[in-house]
Structures are given as C-alpha cells and as structure tokens.
C-alpha atoms as a PDB file:
ATOM      1  CA  UNK A   1     -17.086 -15.397 -17.317  1.00  0.00           C
ATOM      2  CA  UNK A   2     -13.983 -17.066 -15.959  1.00  0.00           C
ATOM      3  CA  UNK A   3     -11.004 -17.516 -18.245  1.00  0.00           C
ATOM      4  CA  UNK A   4     -10.412 -20.967 -16.760  1.00  0.00           C
ATOM      5  CA  UNK A   5     -12.803 -22.927 -19.057  1.00  0.00           C
ATOM      6  CA  UNK A   6     -11.479 -21.232 -22.206  1.00  0.00           C
ATOM      7  CA  UNK A   7      -7.857 -21.785 -21.140  1.00  0.00           C
ATOM      8  CA  UNK A   8      -8.595 -25.442 -20.411  1.00  0.00           C
ATOM      9  CA  UNK A   9     -10.203 -25.809 -23.857  1.00  0.00           C
ATOM     10  CA  UNK A  10      -7.144 -24.205 -25.484  1.00  0.00           C
ATOM     11  CA  UNK A  11      -4.820 -26.655 -23.749  1.00  0.00           C
ATOM     12  CA  UNK A  12      -6.945 -29.587 -24.909  1.00  0.00           C
ATOM     13  CA  UNK A  13      -7.142 -28.330 -28.523  1.00  0.00           C
ATOM     14  CA  UNK A  14      -3.353 -28.103 -28.746  1.00  0.00           C
ATOM     15  CA  UNK A  15      -2.883 -31.486 -27.035  1.00  0.00           C
ATOM     16  CA  UNK A  16      -1.089 -29.935 -24.083  1.00  0.00           C
ATOM     17  CA  UNK A  17      -0.932 -31.683 -20.742  1.00  0.00           C
ATOM     18  CA  UNK A  18      -3.367 -30.448 -18.145  1.00  0.00           C
ATOM     19  CA  UNK A  19      -3.105 -31.284 -14.476  1.00  0.00           C
ATOM     20  CA  UNK A  20      -5.851 -29.978 -12.250  1.00  0.00           C
ATOM     21  CA  UNK A  21      -5.053 -29.791  -8.577  1.00  0.00           C
ATOM     22  CA  UNK A  22      -8.100 -28.891  -6.532  1.00  0.00           C
ATOM     23  CA  UNK A  23      -7.077 -27.033  -3.424  1.00  0.00           C
ATOM     24  CA  UNK A  24      -9.135 -26.879  -0.278  1.00  0.00           C
ATOM     25  CA  UNK A  25      -8.119 -23.583   1.321  1.00  0.00           C
ATOM     26  CA  UNK A  26      -8.638 -24.496   5.003  1.00  0.00           C
ATOM     27  CA  UNK A  27      -6.317 -27.489   4.641  1.00  0.00           C
ATOM     28  CA  UNK A  28      -3.470 -25.975   2.660  1.00  0.00           C
ATOM     29  CA  UNK A  29      -3.525 -22.634   4.431  1.00  0.00           C
ATOM     30  CA  UNK A  30      -2.566 -24.496   7.614  1.00  0.00           C
ATOM     31  CA  UNK A  31       0.743 -25.498   6.010  1.00  0.00           C
ATOM     32  CA  UNK A  32       2.113 -21.991   5.349  1.00  0.00           C
ATOM     33  CA  UNK A  33       5.595 -21.902   6.876  1.00  0.00           C
ATOM     34  CA  UNK A  34       6.116 -18.914   9.189  1.00  0.00           C
ATOM     35  CA  UNK A  35       9.814 -18.750   8.325  1.00  0.00           C
ATOM     36  CA  UNK A  36       9.307 -18.754   4.552  1.00  0.00           C
ATOM     37  CA  UNK A  37       6.356 -16.344   4.265  1.00  0.00           C
ATOM     38  CA  UNK A  38       8.109 -13.339   5.883  1.00  0.00           C
ATOM     39  CA  UNK A  39      11.057 -13.943   3.552  1.00  0.00           C
ATOM     40  CA  UNK A  40       8.682 -13.884   0.559  1.00  0.00           C
ATOM     41  CA  UNK A  41       7.042 -10.711   1.867  1.00  0.00           C
ATOM     42  CA  UNK A  42      10.460  -9.047   1.862  1.00  0.00           C
ATOM     43  CA  UNK A  43      11.000 -10.230  -1.719  1.00  0.00           C
ATOM     44  CA  UNK A  44       7.733  -8.522  -2.665  1.00  0.00           C
ATOM     45  CA  UNK A  45       9.105  -5.270  -1.202  1.00  0.00           C
ATOM     46  CA  UNK A  46       7.330  -5.286   2.145  1.00  0.00           C
ATOM     47  CA  UNK A  47       9.820  -3.838   4.630  1.00  0.00           C
ATOM     48  CA  UNK A  48      10.068  -1.738   7.762  1.00  0.00           C
ATOM     49  CA  UNK A  49       6.995  -1.235   9.933  1.00  0.00           C
ATOM     50  CA  UNK A  50       4.701  -3.129   7.522  1.00  0.00           C
ATOM     51  CA  UNK A  51       7.056  -6.132   7.470  1.00  0.00           C
ATOM     52  CA  UNK A  52       7.264  -6.243  11.274  1.00  0.00           C
ATOM     53  CA  UNK A  53       3.486  -5.904  11.529  1.00  0.00           C
ATOM     54  CA  UNK A  54       2.941  -8.881   9.195  1.00  0.00           C
ATOM     55  CA  UNK A  55       5.556 -10.910  11.023  1.00  0.00           C
ATOM     56  CA  UNK A  56       3.919 -10.237  14.408  1.00  0.00           C
ATOM     57  CA  UNK A  57       0.518 -11.082  12.873  1.00  0.00           C
ATOM     58  CA  UNK A  58       1.827 -14.487  11.768  1.00  0.00           C
ATOM     59  CA  UNK A  59       4.415 -15.587  14.298  1.00  0.00           C
ATOM     60  CA  UNK A  60       4.082 -16.687  17.914  1.00  0.00           C
ATOM     61  CA  UNK A  61       0.349 -17.348  17.567  1.00  0.00           C
ATOM     62  CA  UNK A  62      -1.587 -19.412  20.080  1.00  0.00           C
ATOM     63  CA  UNK A  63      -5.097 -20.777  19.903  1.00  0.00           C
ATOM     64  CA  UNK A  64      -7.614 -22.612  22.013  1.00  0.00           C
ATOM     65  CA  UNK A  65     -11.061 -24.104  21.592  1.00  0.00           C
ATOM     66  CA  UNK A  66     -14.220 -23.650  23.636  1.00  0.00           C
ATOM     67  CA  UNK A  67     -16.974 -26.282  23.560  1.00  0.00           C
ATOM     68  CA  UNK A  68     -19.944 -26.060  25.924  1.00  0.00           C
ATOM     69  CA  UNK A  69     -18.131 -23.445  28.045  1.00  0.00           C
ATOM     70  CA  UNK A  70     -15.122 -25.745  28.489  1.00  0.00           C
ATOM     71  CA  UNK A  71     -11.831 -24.347  27.189  1.00  0.00           C
ATOM     72  CA  UNK A  72      -8.855 -26.303  25.957  1.00  0.00           C
ATOM     73  CA  UNK A  73      -5.300 -25.289  26.806  1.00  0.00           C
ATOM     74  CA  UNK A  74      -3.578 -22.662  24.672  1.00  0.00           C
ATOM     75  CA  UNK A  75      -1.550 -24.335  21.937  1.00  0.00           C
ATOM     76  CA  UNK A  76       1.278 -22.814  19.932  1.00  0.00           C
ATOM     77  CA  UNK A  77       0.504 -22.562  16.189  1.00  0.00           C
ATOM     78  CA  UNK A  78       3.804 -23.057  14.314  1.00  0.00           C
ATOM     79  CA  UNK A  79       2.424 -22.622  10.793  1.00  0.00           C
ATOM     80  CA  UNK A  80      -0.583 -21.483   8.791  1.00  0.00           C
ATOM     81  CA  UNK A  81      -2.360 -18.207   8.117  1.00  0.00           C
ATOM     82  CA  UNK A  82      -5.387 -17.012  10.076  1.00  0.00           C
ATOM     83  CA  UNK A  83      -8.505 -18.174   8.271  1.00  0.00           C
ATOM     84  CA  UNK A  84     -11.727 -16.307   7.776  1.00  0.00           C
ATOM     85  CA  UNK A  85     -10.119 -13.029   6.827  1.00  0.00           C
ATOM     86  CA  UNK A  86      -9.165 -11.297   3.603  1.00  0.00           C
ATOM     87  CA  UNK A  87      -5.622 -10.939   4.909  1.00  0.00           C
ATOM     88  CA  UNK A  88      -5.237 -14.688   5.460  1.00  0.00           C
ATOM     89  CA  UNK A  89      -6.315 -15.373   1.870  1.00  0.00           C
ATOM     90  CA  UNK A  90      -3.953 -12.710   0.520  1.00  0.00           C
ATOM     91  CA  UNK A  91      -1.008 -14.066   2.512  1.00  0.00           C
ATOM     92  CA  UNK A  92      -1.709 -17.583   1.240  1.00  0.00           C
ATOM     93  CA  UNK A  93      -1.766 -16.349  -2.361  1.00  0.00           C
ATOM     94  CA  UNK A  94       1.541 -14.537  -1.859  1.00  0.00           C
ATOM     95  CA  UNK A  95       2.956 -17.751  -0.380  1.00  0.00           C
ATOM     96  CA  UNK A  96       2.040 -19.921  -3.403  1.00  0.00           C
ATOM     97  CA  UNK A  97       2.440 -17.271  -6.116  1.00  0.00           C
ATOM     98  CA  UNK A  98       5.902 -18.486  -7.172  1.00  0.00           C
ATOM     99  CA  UNK A  99       4.988 -22.181  -7.303  1.00  0.00           C
ATOM    100  CA  UNK A 100       5.521 -22.199 -11.068  1.00  0.00           C
ATOM    101  CA  UNK A 101       9.259 -21.782 -10.467  1.00  0.00           C
ATOM    102  CA  UNK A 102       9.364 -25.329  -9.107  1.00  0.00           C
ATOM    103  CA  UNK A 103       8.784 -26.590 -12.649  1.00  0.00           C
ATOM    104  CA  UNK A 104      11.173 -24.560 -14.818  1.00  0.00           C
ATOM    105  CA  UNK A 105      10.450 -24.807 -18.517  1.00  0.00           C
ATOM    106  CA  UNK A 106       6.820 -25.752 -17.919  1.00  0.00           C
ATOM    107  CA  UNK A 107       3.876 -23.478 -18.691  1.00  0.00           C
ATOM    108  CA  UNK A 108       2.180 -23.432 -15.291  1.00  0.00           C
ATOM    109  CA  UNK A 109      -1.068 -21.500 -14.945  1.00  0.00           C
ATOM    110  CA  UNK A 110      -2.582 -20.600 -11.598  1.00  0.00           C
ATOM    111  CA  UNK A 111      -6.321 -20.090 -11.276  1.00  0.00           C
ATOM    112  CA  UNK A 112      -7.941 -18.988  -8.037  1.00  0.00           C
END
C-alpha cells in the first residue's frame, strides 16, 4: 500500500495545507536543463568517467521523425531526458529531487 493516502490523511487531520501537483512525465521531462543536470550529478558525487558518460548521453542530442517512410530533418534537442528508459526516469528524479529547497521552512513531500 502506498504511503501517499495515509500521509494525505495525516495532513488533513492536522489542518495542514496540501497542494497536489500532478505531473505528466513526458511533458516535464522535456524541460530538464542540460546545463543544470550535469551540475547536480556532480553534487551527487558522480565524477570522472561516469560523469562524462552521463554528460555525453544528455548533451548534443539530435532527433528526427519518420512517418510513412518520410524522414524529417535532424533537429538539435537542447533540453530534456531521453524518454522510455529507466535512465531517463532516474535522471529526471535526480533533477527534481531538491525542489523542496525552493520553499525553505515548508514541509514539502515528494511522491512518485
């Protein structure tokens, strides 16, 4: 059983403010800044070869689309994490993990 319903009930019983922000992963994961995420990875202790591997995985990405055997031009992707992989989800979570610091003095809870 998820702890989310019980935590929500606790907040309500003690008359604490609750703000629910539903997040749609494909939309918000496209906003991950490629300059900020590598910095956060370093803060989590990822350095050396692993750091450079993550940075090359994220930065200087290009994509294109194929519909009915017709390809679009390659387009530079300046932000976001690759979707459809465990690594993309992990990188997004590392990116937003410190969001509670934006509201100092508040009791922010993250549920994923």
